[in-house]
C-alpha atoms as a PDB file:
ATOM      1  CA  MET A   1      -0.037   0.060  -0.009  1.00  0.00           C
ATOM      2  CA  SER A   2       1.303   3.474  -1.144  1.00  0.00           C
ATOM      3  CA  ASP A   3       1.467   6.209   1.659  1.00  0.00           C
ATOM      4  CA  LYS A   4      -1.107   8.044  -0.543  1.00  0.00           C
ATOM      5  CA  GLN A   5      -3.587   5.182   0.372  1.00  0.00           C
ATOM      6  CA  GLN A   6      -2.878   5.714   3.997  1.00  0.00           C
ATOM      7  CA  VAL A   7      -5.723   7.265   5.027  1.00  0.00           C
ATOM      8  CA  THR A   8      -4.427   7.660   8.907  1.00  0.00           C
ATOM      9  CA  GLU A   9      -1.141   9.424   7.484  1.00  0.00           C
ATOM     10  CA  ALA A  10      -3.488  11.888   5.148  1.00  0.00           C
ATOM     11  CA  THR A  11      -3.249  15.435   6.286  1.00  0.00           C
ATOM     12  CA  SER A  12      -5.366  17.020   8.754  1.00  0.00           C
ATOM     13  CA  ASN A  13      -8.836  18.564   7.551  1.00  0.00           C
ATOM     14  CA  TYR A  14      -7.368  21.590   9.827  1.00  0.00           C
ATOM     15  CA  GLN A  15      -4.864  23.758   9.358  1.00  0.00           C
ATOM     16  CA  ASN A  16      -2.813  26.329  11.252  1.00  0.00           C
ATOM     17  CA  LEU A  17      -3.636  24.350  14.835  1.00  0.00           C
ATOM     18  CA  ASP A  18      -0.957  26.257  16.317  1.00  0.00           C
ATOM     19  CA  GLN A  19      -2.995  29.954  15.723  1.00  0.00           C
ATOM     20  CA  MET A  20      -6.264  28.167  17.099  1.00  0.00           C
ATOM     21  CA  SER A  21      -7.621  29.311  20.743  1.00  0.00           C
ATOM     22  CA  VAL A  22      -7.693  26.633  23.273  1.00  0.00           C
ATOM     23  CA  THR A  23     -11.286  26.459  22.994  1.00  0.00           C
ATOM     24  CA  GLU A  24     -11.251  26.100  18.604  1.00  0.00           C
ATOM     25  CA  LEU A  25      -8.607  23.320  19.130  1.00  0.00           C
ATOM     26  CA  LEU A  26     -11.053  21.710  22.079  1.00  0.00           C
ATOM     27  CA  GLN A  27     -14.048  22.172  19.637  1.00  0.00           C
ATOM     28  CA  ASN A  28     -12.385  20.987  16.797  1.00  0.00           C
ATOM     29  CA  ILE A  29     -11.187  17.749  17.838  1.00  0.00           C
ATOM     30  CA  ASN A  30     -14.705  17.055  19.510  1.00  0.00           C
ATOM     31  CA  LYS A  31     -15.992  17.629  16.014  1.00  0.00           C
ATOM     32  CA  GLU A  32     -13.643  14.852  14.585  1.00  0.00           C
ATOM     33  CA  ASP A  33     -14.357  12.859  17.744  1.00  0.00           C
ATOM     34  CA  HIS A  34     -17.939  12.477  16.886  1.00  0.00           C
ATOM     35  CA  THR A  35     -17.384  10.540  13.792  1.00  0.00           C
ATOM     36  CA  VAL A  36     -15.415   7.907  15.566  1.00  0.00           C
ATOM     37  CA  PRO A  37     -18.446   6.089  16.243  1.00  0.00           C
ATOM     38  CA  GLN A  38     -20.069   6.111  12.913  1.00  0.00           C
ATOM     39  CA  ALA A  39     -17.055   4.510  11.664  1.00  0.00           C
ATOM     40  CA  VAL A  40     -17.344   1.712  14.367  1.00  0.00           C
ATOM     41  CA  GLU A  41     -20.993   0.911  13.216  1.00  0.00           C
ATOM     42  CA  LYS A  42     -20.008   0.447   9.994  1.00  0.00           C
ATOM     43  CA  ALA A  43     -17.434  -2.409  11.297  1.00  0.00           C
ATOM     44  CA  ILE A  44     -20.385  -4.077  13.321  1.00  0.00           C
ATOM     45  CA  PRO A  45     -20.739  -7.157  10.884  1.00  0.00           C
ATOM     46  CA  GLN A  46     -17.023  -7.641  10.893  1.00  0.00           C
ATOM     47  CA  ILE A  47     -16.806  -7.417  14.872  1.00  0.00           C
ATOM     48  CA  GLU A  48     -19.322 -10.341  15.127  1.00  0.00           C
ATOM     49  CA  LYS A  49     -17.725 -12.349  13.160  1.00  0.00           C
ATOM     50  CA  LEU A  50     -14.845 -12.179  15.104  1.00  0.00           C
ATOM     51  CA  ILE A  51     -16.669 -12.526  18.634  1.00  0.00           C
ATOM     52  CA  ALA A  52     -18.516 -15.505  17.058  1.00  0.00           C
ATOM     53  CA  ILE A  53     -15.596 -17.409  16.590  1.00  0.00           C
ATOM     54  CA  THR A  54     -13.598 -16.325  19.273  1.00  0.00           C
ATOM     55  CA  VAL A  55     -16.221 -17.416  21.741  1.00  0.00           C
ATOM     56  CA  GLU A  56     -16.340 -20.866  19.815  1.00  0.00           C
ATOM     57  CA  LYS A  57     -12.675 -21.210  20.725  1.00  0.00           C
ATOM     58  CA  MET A  58     -13.065 -19.896  24.291  1.00  0.00           C
ATOM     59  CA  GLN A  59     -15.436 -22.206  24.828  1.00  0.00           C
ATOM     60  CA  ASN A  60     -13.693 -25.149  24.038  1.00  0.00           C
ATOM     61  CA  GLY A  61     -10.626 -23.811  26.227  1.00  0.00           C
ATOM     62  CA  GLY A  62      -9.034 -21.446  24.015  1.00  0.00           C
ATOM     63  CA  ARG A  63      -7.652 -17.843  24.820  1.00  0.00           C
ATOM     64  CA  LEU A  64      -7.882 -14.660  23.008  1.00  0.00           C
ATOM     65  CA  PHE A  65      -4.719 -12.622  22.361  1.00  0.00           C
ATOM     66  CA  TYR A  66      -3.976  -9.053  21.361  1.00  0.00           C
ATOM     67  CA  ILE A  67      -0.578  -8.290  19.701  1.00  0.00           C
ATOM     68  CA  GLY A  68       0.122  -4.915  18.909  1.00  0.00           C
ATOM     69  CA  ALA A  69       3.005  -1.678  18.774  1.00  0.00           C
ATOM     70  CA  GLY A  70       2.889   1.488  20.309  1.00  0.00           C
ATOM     71  CA  THR A  71      -0.414   2.733  21.100  1.00  0.00           C
ATOM     72  CA  SER A  72      -2.392  -0.024  19.556  1.00  0.00           C
ATOM     73  CA  GLY A  73      -0.575  -2.546  21.624  1.00  0.00           C
ATOM     74  CA  ARG A  74      -1.197  -0.516  24.686  1.00  0.00           C
ATOM     75  CA  LEU A  75      -4.673  -0.550  23.875  1.00  0.00           C
ATOM     76  CA  GLY A  76      -4.791  -4.346  23.814  1.00  0.00           C
ATOM     77  CA  VAL A  77      -2.705  -4.675  27.273  1.00  0.00           C
ATOM     78  CA  VAL A  78      -5.507  -2.403  28.891  1.00  0.00           C
ATOM     79  CA  ASP A  79      -8.355  -4.731  27.477  1.00  0.00           C
ATOM     80  CA  ALA A  80      -6.705  -7.917  28.378  1.00  0.00           C
ATOM     81  CA  SER A  81      -5.830  -6.385  32.061  1.00  0.00           C
ATOM     82  CA  GLU A  82      -9.451  -5.315  32.591  1.00  0.00           C
ATOM     83  CA  CYS A  83     -11.076  -8.927  32.022  1.00  0.00           C
ATOM     84  CA  PRO A  84      -9.736 -10.634  35.011  1.00  0.00           C
ATOM     85  CA  PRO A  85     -11.242  -8.267  37.441  1.00  0.00           C
ATOM     86  CA  THR A  86     -14.414  -7.452  35.221  1.00  0.00           C
ATOM     87  CA  PHE A  87     -14.915 -10.947  34.166  1.00  0.00           C
ATOM     88  CA  GLY A  88     -13.318 -12.812  37.079  1.00  0.00           C
ATOM     89  CA  VAL A  89     -11.374 -14.786  34.461  1.00  0.00           C
ATOM     90  CA  ASN A  90      -7.740 -15.832  34.912  1.00  0.00           C
ATOM     91  CA  HIS A  91      -5.296 -13.725  33.871  1.00  0.00           C
ATOM     92  CA  GLY A  92      -3.786 -15.726  30.856  1.00  0.00           C
ATOM     93  CA  LYS A  93      -7.493 -15.950  29.485  1.00  0.00           C
ATOM     94  CA  VAL A  94      -6.961 -12.884  27.549  1.00  0.00           C
ATOM     95  CA  VAL A  95      -3.853 -11.341  27.114  1.00  0.00           C
ATOM     96  CA  GLY A  96      -2.156  -8.456  25.840  1.00  0.00           C
ATOM     97  CA  ILE A  97       1.359  -8.527  24.074  1.00  0.00           C
ATOM     98  CA  ILE A  98       2.834  -5.505  22.773  1.00  0.00           C
ATOM     99  CA  ALA A  99       6.109  -5.061  20.633  1.00  0.00           C
ATOM    100  CA  GLY A 100       9.290  -4.662  22.841  1.00  0.00           C
ATOM    101  CA  GLY A 101       7.782  -6.041  25.904  1.00  0.00           C
ATOM    102  CA  ASP A 102       6.366  -4.450  29.319  1.00  0.00           C
ATOM    103  CA  THR A 103       8.711  -1.613  29.277  1.00  0.00           C
ATOM    104  CA  ALA A 104       7.047  -0.333  26.148  1.00  0.00           C
ATOM    105  CA  ILE A 105       3.973   0.320  27.867  1.00  0.00           C
ATOM    106  CA  ARG A 106       5.532   3.407  29.358  1.00  0.00           C
ATOM    107  CA  LYS A 107       8.075   4.026  26.889  1.00  0.00           C
ATOM    108  CA  ALA A 108       9.004   3.613  23.084  1.00  0.00           C
ATOM    109  CA  VAL A 109      11.260   0.594  22.093  1.00  0.00           C
ATOM    110  CA  GLU A 110      13.079   2.061  19.284  1.00  0.00           C
ATOM    111  CA  ASN A 111      12.650  -0.645  16.289  1.00  0.00           C
ATOM    112  CA  ALA A 112      10.422  -3.177  18.552  1.00  0.00           C
ATOM    113  CA  GLU A 113       7.529  -2.630  15.499  1.00  0.00           C
ATOM    114  CA  ASP A 114       9.810  -3.293  12.623  1.00  0.00           C
ATOM    115  CA  ASP A 115      10.541  -7.176  13.870  1.00  0.00           C
ATOM    116  CA  THR A 116       8.712  -9.739  11.920  1.00  0.00           C
ATOM    117  CA  GLN A 117       9.679 -12.470  13.810  1.00  0.00           C
ATOM    118  CA  GLN A 118       9.093 -11.294  17.527  1.00  0.00           C
ATOM    119  CA  ALA A 119       5.429 -11.480  17.726  1.00  0.00           C
ATOM    120  CA  TRP A 120       5.439 -15.296  16.755  1.00  0.00           C
ATOM    121  CA  LYS A 121       8.120 -15.841  19.554  1.00  0.00           C
ATOM    122  CA  ASP A 122       6.072 -13.741  21.970  1.00  0.00           C
ATOM    123  CA  LEU A 123       3.345 -15.610  21.417  1.00  0.00           C
ATOM    124  CA  GLU A 124       5.235 -19.216  21.716  1.00  0.00           C
ATOM    125  CA  ALA A 125       5.996 -18.105  25.543  1.00  0.00           C
ATOM    126  CA  TYR A 126       2.518 -18.674  26.258  1.00  0.00           C
ATOM    127  CA  ASN A 127       2.336 -22.048  24.239  1.00  0.00           C
ATOM    128  CA  ILE A 128      -0.144 -20.936  21.747  1.00  0.00           C
ATOM    129  CA  THR A 129      -2.056 -23.535  20.082  1.00  0.00           C
ATOM    130  CA  THR A 130      -4.922 -23.966  17.329  1.00  0.00           C
ATOM    131  CA  GLN A 131      -7.095 -23.326  20.430  1.00  0.00           C
ATOM    132  CA  ASP A 132      -6.493 -19.861  20.641  1.00  0.00           C
ATOM    133  CA  VAL A 133      -7.129 -16.269  19.011  1.00  0.00           C
ATOM    134  CA  VAL A 134      -4.882 -13.490  18.259  1.00  0.00           C
ATOM    135  CA  VAL A 135      -5.828 -10.325  16.990  1.00  0.00           C
ATOM    136  CA  GLY A 136      -3.499  -7.946  15.624  1.00  0.00           C
ATOM    137  CA  ILE A 137      -3.813  -4.185  16.514  1.00  0.00           C
ATOM    138  CA  ALA A 138      -2.236  -1.769  14.240  1.00  0.00           C
ATOM    139  CA  ALA A 139      -4.150   1.630  12.871  1.00  0.00           C
ATOM    140  CA  SER A 140      -1.820   1.718   9.943  1.00  0.00           C
ATOM    141  CA  GLY A 141      -2.521  -1.649   9.186  1.00  0.00           C
ATOM    142  CA  ARG A 142       1.280  -2.367   7.978  1.00  0.00           C
ATOM    143  CA  THR A 143       3.087  -2.703  11.307  1.00  0.00           C
ATOM    144  CA  PRO A 144       5.605  -5.734  10.344  1.00  0.00           C
ATOM    145  CA  TYR A 145       5.651  -6.943  14.058  1.00  0.00           C
ATOM    146  CA  VAL A 146       1.968  -7.497  14.040  1.00  0.00           C
ATOM    147  CA  ILE A 147       1.863  -8.766  10.527  1.00  0.00           C
ATOM    148  CA  GLY A 148       4.512 -11.022  10.847  1.00  0.00           C
ATOM    149  CA  GLY A 149       2.877 -12.514  13.662  1.00  0.00           C
ATOM    150  CA  LEU A 150      -0.536 -13.100  12.135  1.00  0.00           C
ATOM    151  CA  GLU A 151       1.262 -15.027   8.996  1.00  0.00           C
ATOM    152  CA  GLU A 152       2.664 -17.256  11.351  1.00  0.00           C
ATOM    153  CA  CYS A 153      -0.338 -17.868  13.329  1.00  0.00           C
ATOM    154  CA  ASN A 154      -2.456 -18.640   9.950  1.00  0.00           C
ATOM    155  CA  GLN A 155       0.478 -21.199   8.461  1.00  0.00           C
ATOM    156  CA  ARG A 156       0.158 -22.883  11.717  1.00  0.00           C
ATOM    157  CA  GLY A 157      -3.487 -23.098  11.595  1.00  0.00           C
ATOM    158  CA  ILE A 158      -4.241 -20.356  14.549  1.00  0.00           C
ATOM    159  CA  VAL A 159      -7.384 -18.186  13.907  1.00  0.00           C
ATOM    160  CA  THR A 160      -6.502 -14.806  13.325  1.00  0.00           C
ATOM    161  CA  GLY A 161      -7.973 -11.228  13.609  1.00  0.00           C
ATOM    162  CA  CYS A 162      -7.083  -7.773  13.412  1.00  0.00           C
ATOM    163  CA  ILE A 163      -8.503  -4.241  14.008  1.00  0.00           C
ATOM    164  CA  THR A 164      -7.088  -1.770  11.764  1.00  0.00           C
ATOM    165  CA  CYS A 165      -8.041   1.902  10.239  1.00  0.00           C
ATOM    166  CA  ASN A 166      -7.011   2.346   7.159  1.00  0.00           C
ATOM    167  CA  PRO A 167      -9.172   0.297   4.143  1.00  0.00           C
ATOM    168  CA  SER A 168      -7.642  -2.822   2.478  1.00  0.00           C
ATOM    169  CA  SER A 169      -4.361  -2.699   4.422  1.00  0.00           C
ATOM    170  CA  LYS A 170      -2.027  -5.685   4.375  1.00  0.00           C
ATOM    171  CA  LEU A 171      -2.959  -6.729   8.170  1.00  0.00           C
ATOM    172  CA  ALA A 172      -6.741  -6.963   6.907  1.00  0.00           C
ATOM    173  CA  GLN A 173      -5.523  -9.077   4.118  1.00  0.00           C
ATOM    174  CA  THR A 174      -3.573 -11.216   6.403  1.00  0.00           C
ATOM    175  CA  ALA A 175      -5.960 -11.642   9.272  1.00  0.00           C
ATOM    176  CA  GLN A 176      -8.988 -14.570   8.861  1.00  0.00           C
ATOM    177  CA  TYR A 177     -11.441 -11.655  10.285  1.00  0.00           C
ATOM    178  CA  PRO A 178     -10.304  -8.507   9.768  1.00  0.00           C
ATOM    179  CA  ILE A 179     -12.024  -5.280  11.513  1.00  0.00           C
ATOM    180  CA  GLU A 180     -11.659  -2.354   9.341  1.00  0.00           C
ATOM    181  CA  VAL A 181     -12.812   1.299  11.132  1.00  0.00           C
ATOM    182  CA  VAL A 182     -11.586   3.934   8.484  1.00  0.00           C
ATOM    183  CA  VAL A 183     -11.982   7.298  10.795  1.00  0.00           C
ATOM    184  CA  GLY A 184     -10.222   9.385   8.164  1.00  0.00           C
ATOM    185  CA  PRO A 185      -7.350  11.862   8.662  1.00  0.00           C
ATOM    186  CA  GLU A 186      -6.343  12.789  12.133  1.00  0.00           C
ATOM    187  CA  PHE A 187      -7.061  16.526  13.533  1.00  0.00           C
ATOM    188  CA  LEU A 188      -3.319  16.307  14.125  1.00  0.00           C
ATOM    189  CA  THR A 189      -1.987  14.856  11.359  1.00  0.00           C
ATOM    190  CA  GLY A 190      -0.711  11.227  11.440  1.00  0.00           C
ATOM    191  CA  SER A 191      -1.364  11.102  15.476  1.00  0.00           C
ATOM    192  CA  THR A 192      -3.252   7.971  15.557  1.00  0.00           C
ATOM    193  CA  ARG A 193      -3.343   7.979  19.416  1.00  0.00           C
ATOM    194  CA  MET A 194      -6.727  10.284  18.803  1.00  0.00           C
ATOM    195  CA  LYS A 195      -9.392   8.987  16.391  1.00  0.00           C
ATOM    196  CA  ALA A 196      -7.725   5.765  15.411  1.00  0.00           C
ATOM    197  CA  GLY A 197      -6.658   4.839  18.826  1.00  0.00           C
ATOM    198  CA  THR A 198     -10.334   5.897  20.303  1.00  0.00           C
ATOM    199  CA  ALA A 199     -11.728   3.509  17.169  1.00  0.00           C
ATOM    200  CA  GLN A 200      -9.493   0.696  18.279  1.00  0.00           C
ATOM    201  CA  LYS A 201     -10.725   1.173  22.095  1.00  0.00           C
ATOM    202  CA  LEU A 202     -14.260   0.916  21.186  1.00  0.00           C
ATOM    203  CA  SER A 203     -13.753  -2.017  18.925  1.00  0.00           C
ATOM    204  CA  LEU A 204     -12.250  -3.630  21.788  1.00  0.00           C
ATOM    205  CA  ASN A 205     -14.983  -2.997  24.228  1.00  0.00           C
ATOM    206  CA  MET A 206     -17.458  -4.639  22.066  1.00  0.00           C
ATOM    207  CA  LEU A 207     -14.938  -7.368  21.220  1.00  0.00           C
ATOM    208  CA  SER A 208     -14.279  -8.736  25.132  1.00  0.00           C
ATOM    209  CA  THR A 209     -17.445  -7.432  26.567  1.00  0.00           C
ATOM    210  CA  ALA A 210     -19.827  -9.335  23.921  1.00  0.00           C
ATOM    211  CA  VAL A 211     -17.416 -12.174  24.298  1.00  0.00           C
ATOM    212  CA  MET A 212     -17.760 -12.480  28.319  1.00  0.00           C
ATOM    213  CA  ILE A 213     -21.154 -12.159  27.908  1.00  0.00           C
ATOM    214  CA  GLN A 214     -21.682 -15.188  25.934  1.00  0.00           C
ATOM    215  CA  LEU A 215     -19.190 -17.330  27.936  1.00  0.00           C
ATOM    216  CA  GLY A 216     -21.951 -16.685  30.676  1.00  0.00           C
ATOM    217  CA  HIS A 217     -19.836 -14.065  33.244  1.00  0.00           C
ATOM    218  CA  VAL A 218     -22.728 -11.367  33.385  1.00  0.00           C
ATOM    219  CA  LYS A 219     -26.169 -11.907  34.365  1.00  0.00           C
ATOM    220  CA  GLY A 220     -29.032  -9.355  33.208  1.00  0.00           C
ATOM    221  CA  ASN A 221     -26.436  -6.617  33.250  1.00  0.00           C
ATOM    222  CA  LYS A 222     -24.545  -7.033  36.189  1.00  0.00           C
ATOM    223  CA  MET A 223     -21.103  -8.488  36.564  1.00  0.00           C
ATOM    224  CA  ILE A 224     -21.438 -11.178  38.639  1.00  0.00           C
ATOM    225  CA  ASP A 225     -17.682 -12.740  38.208  1.00  0.00           C
ATOM    226  CA  MET A 226     -16.237  -9.606  38.856  1.00  0.00           C
ATOM    227  CA  GLN A 227     -13.338  -9.644  41.661  1.00  0.00           C
ATOM    228  CA  LEU A 228     -13.588  -8.002  45.049  1.00  0.00           C
ATOM    229  CA  SER A 229     -10.765  -6.070  44.724  1.00  0.00           C
ATOM    230  CA  ASN A 230     -11.560  -3.295  46.663  1.00  0.00           C
ATOM    231  CA  GLU A 231     -14.409  -1.565  48.767  1.00  0.00           C
ATOM    232  CA  LYS A 232     -16.273  -0.016  45.872  1.00  0.00           C
ATOM    233  CA  LEU A 233     -16.701  -2.892  44.154  1.00  0.00           C
ATOM    234  CA  VAL A 234     -17.490  -5.285  47.352  1.00  0.00           C
ATOM    235  CA  ASP A 235     -20.288  -2.512  47.664  1.00  0.00           C
ATOM    236  CA  ARG A 236     -21.311  -2.971  44.269  1.00  0.00           C
ATOM    237  CA  GLY A 237     -21.596  -6.933  44.982  1.00  0.00           C
ATOM    238  CA  VAL A 238     -23.371  -6.473  47.949  1.00  0.00           C
ATOM    239  CA  LYS A 239     -26.103  -4.541  45.810  1.00  0.00           C
ATOM    240  CA  MET A 240     -26.303  -6.994  43.163  1.00  0.00           C
ATOM    241  CA  VAL A 241     -26.523  -9.726  46.221  1.00  0.00           C
ATOM    242  CA  MET A 242     -29.386  -7.995  47.687  1.00  0.00           C
ATOM    243  CA  ASN A 243     -31.034  -7.109  44.484  1.00  0.00           C
ATOM    244  CA  GLU A 244     -31.347 -10.808  43.340  1.00  0.00           C
ATOM    245  CA  LEU A 245     -31.954 -12.229  46.302  1.00  0.00           C
ATOM    246  CA  ASN A 246     -34.065  -9.592  47.877  1.00  0.00           C
ATOM    247  CA  ILE A 247     -31.999  -9.821  51.401  1.00  0.00           C
ATOM    248  CA  ASP A 248     -31.024  -6.580  53.147  1.00  0.00           C
ATOM    249  CA  TYR A 249     -27.276  -4.964  53.019  1.00  0.00           C
ATOM    250  CA  ASN A 250     -25.611  -7.057  56.022  1.00  0.00           C
ATOM    251  CA  LEU A 251     -26.698 -10.832  55.143  1.00  0.00           C
ATOM    252  CA  ALA A 252     -25.778  -9.775  51.491  1.00  0.00           C
ATOM    253  CA  LYS A 253     -22.267  -8.735  52.349  1.00  0.00           C
ATOM    254  CA  GLU A 254     -21.812 -11.652  54.797  1.00  0.00           C
ATOM    255  CA  LEU A 255     -22.677 -14.000  51.849  1.00  0.00           C
ATOM    256  CA  LEU A 256     -20.594 -12.313  49.646  1.00  0.00           C
ATOM    257  CA  LEU A 257     -17.182 -12.227  51.702  1.00  0.00           C
ATOM    258  CA  LYS A 258     -17.999 -15.598  52.550  1.00  0.00           C
ATOM    259  CA  HIS A 259     -18.474 -17.233  49.008  1.00  0.00           C
ATOM    260  CA  GLY A 260     -15.632 -14.363  47.005  1.00  0.00           C
ATOM    261  CA  SER A 261     -18.285 -13.787  44.199  1.00  0.00           C
ATOM    262  CA  VAL A 262     -21.708 -12.813  43.483  1.00  0.00           C
ATOM    263  CA  ARG A 263     -22.485 -15.525  41.399  1.00  0.00           C
ATOM    264  CA  LYS A 264     -21.761 -18.106  44.302  1.00  0.00           C
ATOM    265  CA  ALA A 265     -23.245 -16.083  47.102  1.00  0.00           C
ATOM    266  CA  VAL A 266     -26.303 -16.453  45.250  1.00  0.00           C
ATOM    267  CA  GLU A 267     -26.199 -19.867  43.938  1.00  0.00           C
ATOM    268  CA  ASN A 268     -25.693 -21.071  47.549  1.00  0.00           C
ATOM    269  CA  PHE A 269     -28.080 -18.951  49.218  1.00  0.00           C
END
């Protein structure tokens, strides 16, 4: 793909940003942000297909992996790290891998995204199998680290998906289940941490939340398997038990702390 076709690298629709007032900057950024959910909406059929195969694999013991570099990698790590406290799954069930390792979460690692072999090495460390699903995240759709990882997975019969923000990218052509959320040029030319990053975050929210609901970690609209890792979450869990069993706060809290989760408290009442 030529640079001319790289929508994420296209020149901003706004000129002379350095001469705008703060109010103008904020209003224009917000105006651009309004277009992101509309782009995500167009990709819902693609997202649905990736969710379906992911649920199928995870119901049979598989795991979900995210691989990415820079902002895209960080977003994958964030989504994966939220799954255990939110849905009560083991930390190894949804795994976020970033080019350059955990150091790259806070500080850019030079040339990490250009290594076509490293993603597979990183996945191998988790004893990845054909039961698993690997989703490559790259706004540009051309990150060598991500493409190389998916290519190796394809050769080994592992299901692959992707989230990208350029149309007809090499990454989308490589993934078996591509998600293309084309948000157009960034407000700050080429700064894909902005609209592209938001689009990727929204797509990841949809993917992991829908998968976990399908796997039974939600009842009604409640996170019945969430971890009770702080007072706020304990209080939330107590109120869930109260409402479900129609009992008072103290009894609900006693049951919750005894059994360790909303699900178990309700099931063992």
